[in-house]
Amino acid sequence: MPPARPPAIPTSVLDDAVTRITRWDFEPGAATGHHTHGLGYVVVPLTDCHFLIEDASGERRVTARAGEAYRRDAGVEHNVINGGDQPMSFIEIEYK
């Protein structure tokens, strides 16, 4: 079994009737843990992000540059890991 990864740190920015906004901070190697998104969401990288994504299809690396927002539908299942050698951060906006 691989060693446990340090956890990514979520900070609640806003949680109201319309949206849930969370800031995620990752040290190198930190991970969210496997999870399923119950809501659609938008991610806005605050730093360049070197994602290592683990999902049902295996592992893949994805780079998102600071400010390059992207959207995903509800139902995404994955573990998000900082696959780079620098801290990374992004804002996740879930819409209810």
N, C-alpha and C. Protein backbone atom coordinates (compact mmCIF):
# COMPACT_ATOMS: atom_id res chain seq x y z
N MET A 1 0.85 -1.18 0.00
CA MET A 1 0.00 0.00 0.00
C MET A 1 0.89 1.24 0.00
N PRO A 2 0.61 2.22 -0.88
CA PRO A 2 1.43 3.44 -0.91
C PRO A 2 1.26 4.24 0.38
N PRO A 3 2.26 5.04 0.74
CA PRO A 3 2.14 5.84 1.97
C PRO A 3 1.00 6.84 1.85
N ALA A 4 0.42 7.20 2.97
CA ALA A 4 -0.68 8.18 2.98
C ALA A 4 -0.16 9.54 2.52
N ARG A 5 -0.97 10.23 1.78
CA ARG A 5 -0.62 11.57 1.33
C ARG A 5 -1.12 12.58 2.34
N PRO A 6 -0.42 13.71 2.49
CA PRO A 6 -0.94 14.75 3.38
C PRO A 6 -2.25 15.31 2.80
N PRO A 7 -3.15 15.79 3.66
CA PRO A 7 -4.42 16.29 3.14
C PRO A 7 -4.30 17.69 2.55
N ALA A 8 -5.06 17.93 1.48
CA ALA A 8 -5.26 19.29 1.00
C ALA A 8 -6.10 20.02 2.05
N ILE A 9 -5.95 21.33 2.14
CA ILE A 9 -6.63 22.11 3.17
C ILE A 9 -7.77 22.91 2.54
N PRO A 10 -9.03 22.56 2.88
CA PRO A 10 -10.17 23.35 2.39
C PRO A 10 -10.50 24.48 3.36
N THR A 11 -10.81 25.65 2.83
CA THR A 11 -11.26 26.78 3.63
C THR A 11 -12.56 27.29 3.03
N SER A 12 -13.62 27.28 3.82
CA SER A 12 -14.92 27.76 3.34
C SER A 12 -14.86 29.27 3.16
N VAL A 13 -15.24 29.72 1.97
CA VAL A 13 -15.29 31.15 1.66
C VAL A 13 -16.72 31.65 1.77
N LEU A 14 -17.67 30.85 1.25
CA LEU A 14 -19.09 31.21 1.26
C LEU A 14 -19.91 29.95 1.10
N ASP A 15 -21.00 29.85 1.83
CA ASP A 15 -21.92 28.73 1.69
C ASP A 15 -23.32 29.27 1.95
N ASP A 16 -24.07 29.50 0.86
CA ASP A 16 -25.42 30.04 1.00
C ASP A 16 -26.39 29.20 0.18
N ALA A 17 -27.56 29.71 -0.08
CA ALA A 17 -28.58 28.95 -0.80
C ALA A 17 -28.24 28.73 -2.26
N VAL A 18 -27.31 29.50 -2.81
CA VAL A 18 -27.01 29.45 -4.24
C VAL A 18 -25.68 28.75 -4.53
N THR A 19 -24.66 29.04 -3.76
CA THR A 19 -23.32 28.51 -4.03
C THR A 19 -22.61 28.08 -2.76
N ARG A 20 -21.64 27.20 -2.96
CA ARG A 20 -20.67 26.86 -1.90
C ARG A 20 -19.31 27.14 -2.52
N ILE A 21 -18.55 28.03 -1.93
CA ILE A 21 -17.23 28.41 -2.45
C ILE A 21 -16.18 27.99 -1.44
N THR A 22 -15.21 27.22 -1.93
CA THR A 22 -14.14 26.70 -1.08
C THR A 22 -12.79 27.02 -1.71
N ARG A 23 -11.88 27.48 -0.89
CA ARG A 23 -10.48 27.63 -1.32
C ARG A 23 -9.76 26.36 -0.91
N TRP A 24 -9.02 25.77 -1.86
CA TRP A 24 -8.22 24.57 -1.61
C TRP A 24 -6.75 24.91 -1.71
N ASP A 25 -5.98 24.54 -0.69
CA ASP A 25 -4.53 24.75 -0.67
C ASP A 25 -3.85 23.40 -0.53
N PHE A 26 -2.85 23.16 -1.40
CA PHE A 26 -2.14 21.89 -1.46
C PHE A 26 -0.64 22.11 -1.36
N GLU A 27 0.00 21.47 -0.43
CA GLU A 27 1.45 21.36 -0.46
C GLU A 27 1.79 20.30 -1.52
N PRO A 28 3.01 20.25 -2.00
CA PRO A 28 3.36 19.19 -2.96
C PRO A 28 3.01 17.81 -2.39
N GLY A 29 2.33 17.01 -3.19
CA GLY A 29 1.93 15.66 -2.78
C GLY A 29 0.63 15.59 -2.02
N ALA A 30 0.06 16.72 -1.61
CA ALA A 30 -1.20 16.71 -0.85
C ALA A 30 -2.36 16.30 -1.74
N ALA A 31 -3.40 15.72 -1.12
CA ALA A 31 -4.52 15.18 -1.87
C ALA A 31 -5.84 15.50 -1.18
N THR A 32 -6.90 15.54 -1.98
CA THR A 32 -8.24 15.74 -1.44
C THR A 32 -8.79 14.46 -0.83
N GLY A 33 -8.30 13.32 -1.28
CA GLY A 33 -8.94 12.04 -0.97
C GLY A 33 -10.01 11.77 -2.01
N HIS A 34 -10.28 10.51 -2.24
CA HIS A 34 -11.28 10.15 -3.26
C HIS A 34 -12.65 10.68 -2.84
N HIS A 35 -13.35 11.33 -3.77
CA HIS A 35 -14.66 11.90 -3.48
C HIS A 35 -15.50 11.98 -4.75
N THR A 36 -16.80 12.13 -4.57
CA THR A 36 -17.74 12.31 -5.66
C THR A 36 -18.39 13.68 -5.51
N HIS A 37 -18.42 14.43 -6.60
CA HIS A 37 -19.05 15.75 -6.59
C HIS A 37 -20.56 15.60 -6.76
N GLY A 38 -21.30 16.01 -5.74
CA GLY A 38 -22.75 15.96 -5.80
C GLY A 38 -23.35 17.15 -6.51
N LEU A 39 -22.53 18.17 -6.77
CA LEU A 39 -22.98 19.39 -7.44
C LEU A 39 -22.07 19.71 -8.61
N GLY A 40 -22.60 20.40 -9.61
CA GLY A 40 -21.74 20.94 -10.66
C GLY A 40 -20.84 22.00 -10.06
N TYR A 41 -19.69 22.22 -10.70
CA TYR A 41 -18.75 23.15 -10.09
C TYR A 41 -17.83 23.80 -11.13
N VAL A 42 -17.25 24.91 -10.70
CA VAL A 42 -16.25 25.66 -11.46
C VAL A 42 -15.00 25.74 -10.61
N VAL A 43 -13.84 25.54 -11.23
CA VAL A 43 -12.55 25.68 -10.55
C VAL A 43 -11.82 26.87 -11.16
N VAL A 44 -11.30 27.74 -10.31
CA VAL A 44 -10.50 28.89 -10.73
C VAL A 44 -9.14 28.76 -10.05
N PRO A 45 -8.09 28.33 -10.79
CA PRO A 45 -6.76 28.22 -10.19
C PRO A 45 -6.22 29.60 -9.77
N LEU A 46 -5.71 29.67 -8.55
CA LEU A 46 -5.06 30.88 -8.07
C LEU A 46 -3.57 30.86 -8.38
N THR A 47 -3.04 29.66 -8.56
CA THR A 47 -1.64 29.45 -8.94
C THR A 47 -1.65 28.52 -10.14
N ASP A 48 -0.52 28.36 -10.79
CA ASP A 48 -0.41 27.28 -11.76
C ASP A 48 -0.59 25.98 -10.99
N CYS A 49 -1.44 25.08 -11.49
CA CYS A 49 -1.74 23.83 -10.79
C CYS A 49 -1.30 22.65 -11.65
N HIS A 50 -0.53 21.79 -11.06
CA HIS A 50 -0.06 20.57 -11.71
C HIS A 50 -0.78 19.41 -11.05
N PHE A 51 -1.98 19.12 -11.58
CA PHE A 51 -2.84 18.10 -10.99
C PHE A 51 -2.40 16.70 -11.37
N LEU A 52 -2.43 15.81 -10.42
CA LEU A 52 -2.39 14.37 -10.66
C LEU A 52 -3.77 13.89 -10.27
N ILE A 53 -4.52 13.42 -11.25
CA ILE A 53 -5.91 13.00 -11.03
C ILE A 53 -5.96 11.48 -11.01
N GLU A 54 -6.54 10.92 -9.96
CA GLU A 54 -6.79 9.48 -9.86
C GLU A 54 -8.29 9.28 -9.96
N ASP A 55 -8.71 8.48 -10.95
CA ASP A 55 -10.13 8.18 -11.09
C ASP A 55 -10.29 6.76 -11.61
N ALA A 56 -11.50 6.39 -11.99
CA ALA A 56 -11.78 5.02 -12.40
C ALA A 56 -10.97 4.59 -13.62
N SER A 57 -10.52 5.54 -14.42
CA SER A 57 -9.73 5.20 -15.62
C SER A 57 -8.24 5.13 -15.34
N GLY A 58 -7.81 5.43 -14.11
CA GLY A 58 -6.39 5.39 -13.76
C GLY A 58 -5.90 6.74 -13.30
N GLU A 59 -4.65 7.05 -13.67
CA GLU A 59 -4.03 8.33 -13.30
C GLU A 59 -3.77 9.15 -14.56
N ARG A 60 -3.89 10.47 -14.42
CA ARG A 60 -3.50 11.36 -15.51
C ARG A 60 -3.04 12.68 -14.91
N ARG A 61 -2.18 13.34 -15.64
CA ARG A 61 -1.67 14.65 -15.22
C ARG A 61 -2.32 15.72 -16.06
N VAL A 62 -2.72 16.80 -15.39
CA VAL A 62 -3.38 17.93 -16.04
C VAL A 62 -2.77 19.20 -15.47
N THR A 63 -2.43 20.13 -16.33
CA THR A 63 -1.92 21.43 -15.88
C THR A 63 -2.98 22.48 -16.16
N ALA A 64 -3.26 23.30 -15.16
CA ALA A 64 -4.17 24.44 -15.31
C ALA A 64 -3.41 25.67 -14.86
N ARG A 65 -3.37 26.66 -15.70
CA ARG A 65 -2.65 27.90 -15.39
C ARG A 65 -3.49 28.81 -14.51
N ALA A 66 -2.84 29.61 -13.71
CA ALA A 66 -3.52 30.56 -12.83
C ALA A 66 -4.53 31.37 -13.64
N GLY A 67 -5.77 31.42 -13.17
CA GLY A 67 -6.82 32.20 -13.82
C GLY A 67 -7.58 31.48 -14.91
N GLU A 68 -7.13 30.30 -15.35
CA GLU A 68 -7.82 29.56 -16.41
C GLU A 68 -8.92 28.69 -15.79
N ALA A 69 -10.12 29.24 -15.71
CA ALA A 69 -11.24 28.55 -15.08
C ALA A 69 -11.74 27.42 -15.96
N TYR A 70 -12.30 26.39 -15.31
CA TYR A 70 -12.97 25.30 -16.03
C TYR A 70 -14.16 24.82 -15.22
N ARG A 71 -15.09 24.13 -15.90
CA ARG A 71 -16.34 23.68 -15.29
C ARG A 71 -16.49 22.18 -15.44
N ARG A 72 -17.12 21.54 -14.44
CA ARG A 72 -17.43 20.11 -14.49
C ARG A 72 -18.86 19.91 -13.99
N ASP A 73 -19.50 18.86 -14.50
CA ASP A 73 -20.85 18.50 -14.07
C ASP A 73 -20.81 17.71 -12.77
N ALA A 74 -21.94 17.66 -12.09
CA ALA A 74 -22.08 16.82 -10.90
C ALA A 74 -21.79 15.37 -11.29
N GLY A 75 -21.32 14.59 -10.33
CA GLY A 75 -21.07 13.17 -10.56
C GLY A 75 -19.62 12.81 -10.77
N VAL A 76 -18.74 13.79 -10.93
CA VAL A 76 -17.31 13.51 -11.11
C VAL A 76 -16.79 12.81 -9.86
N GLU A 77 -16.07 11.69 -10.06
CA GLU A 77 -15.46 10.94 -8.96
C GLU A 77 -13.96 10.90 -9.17
N HIS A 78 -13.20 11.39 -8.18
CA HIS A 78 -11.74 11.41 -8.34
C HIS A 78 -11.05 11.74 -7.01
N ASN A 79 -9.72 11.61 -7.05
CA ASN A 79 -8.83 12.12 -6.02
C ASN A 79 -7.94 13.13 -6.73
N VAL A 80 -7.83 14.32 -6.18
CA VAL A 80 -7.01 15.38 -6.77
C VAL A 80 -5.75 15.53 -5.92
N ILE A 81 -4.59 15.43 -6.57
CA ILE A 81 -3.30 15.47 -5.90
C ILE A 81 -2.46 16.59 -6.52
N ASN A 82 -1.69 17.29 -5.69
CA ASN A 82 -0.71 18.23 -6.22
C ASN A 82 0.47 17.40 -6.73
N GLY A 83 0.54 17.25 -8.05
CA GLY A 83 1.60 16.47 -8.67
C GLY A 83 2.84 17.29 -8.98
N GLY A 84 2.87 18.55 -8.56
CA GLY A 84 4.02 19.41 -8.80
C GLY A 84 4.93 19.50 -7.58
N ASP A 85 5.95 20.36 -7.70
CA ASP A 85 6.91 20.51 -6.61
C ASP A 85 6.77 21.84 -5.88
N GLN A 86 5.68 22.57 -6.17
CA GLN A 86 5.38 23.85 -5.52
C GLN A 86 3.97 23.79 -4.94
N PRO A 87 3.70 24.58 -3.88
CA PRO A 87 2.32 24.65 -3.39
C PRO A 87 1.38 25.13 -4.49
N MET A 88 0.13 24.68 -4.43
CA MET A 88 -0.87 25.14 -5.41
C MET A 88 -2.17 25.42 -4.68
N SER A 89 -2.98 26.33 -5.28
CA SER A 89 -4.26 26.72 -4.68
C SER A 89 -5.27 26.98 -5.78
N PHE A 90 -6.53 26.67 -5.46
CA PHE A 90 -7.62 27.04 -6.38
C PHE A 90 -8.88 27.30 -5.58
N ILE A 91 -9.81 28.00 -6.24
CA ILE A 91 -11.13 28.24 -5.71
C ILE A 91 -12.09 27.30 -6.43
N GLU A 92 -12.92 26.62 -5.65
CA GLU A 92 -13.96 25.74 -6.21
C GLU A 92 -15.31 26.38 -5.89
N ILE A 93 -16.11 26.60 -6.94
CA ILE A 93 -17.43 27.19 -6.80
C ILE A 93 -18.45 26.14 -7.20
N GLU A 94 -19.19 25.64 -6.23
CA GLU A 94 -20.24 24.65 -6.50
C GLU A 94 -21.57 25.40 -6.56
N TYR A 95 -22.41 25.06 -7.54
CA TYR A 95 -23.71 25.73 -7.64
C TYR A 95 -24.81 24.74 -7.26
N LYS A 96 -25.67 25.22 -6.35
CA LYS A 96 -26.71 24.38 -5.76
C LYS A 96 -27.98 24.40 -6.60
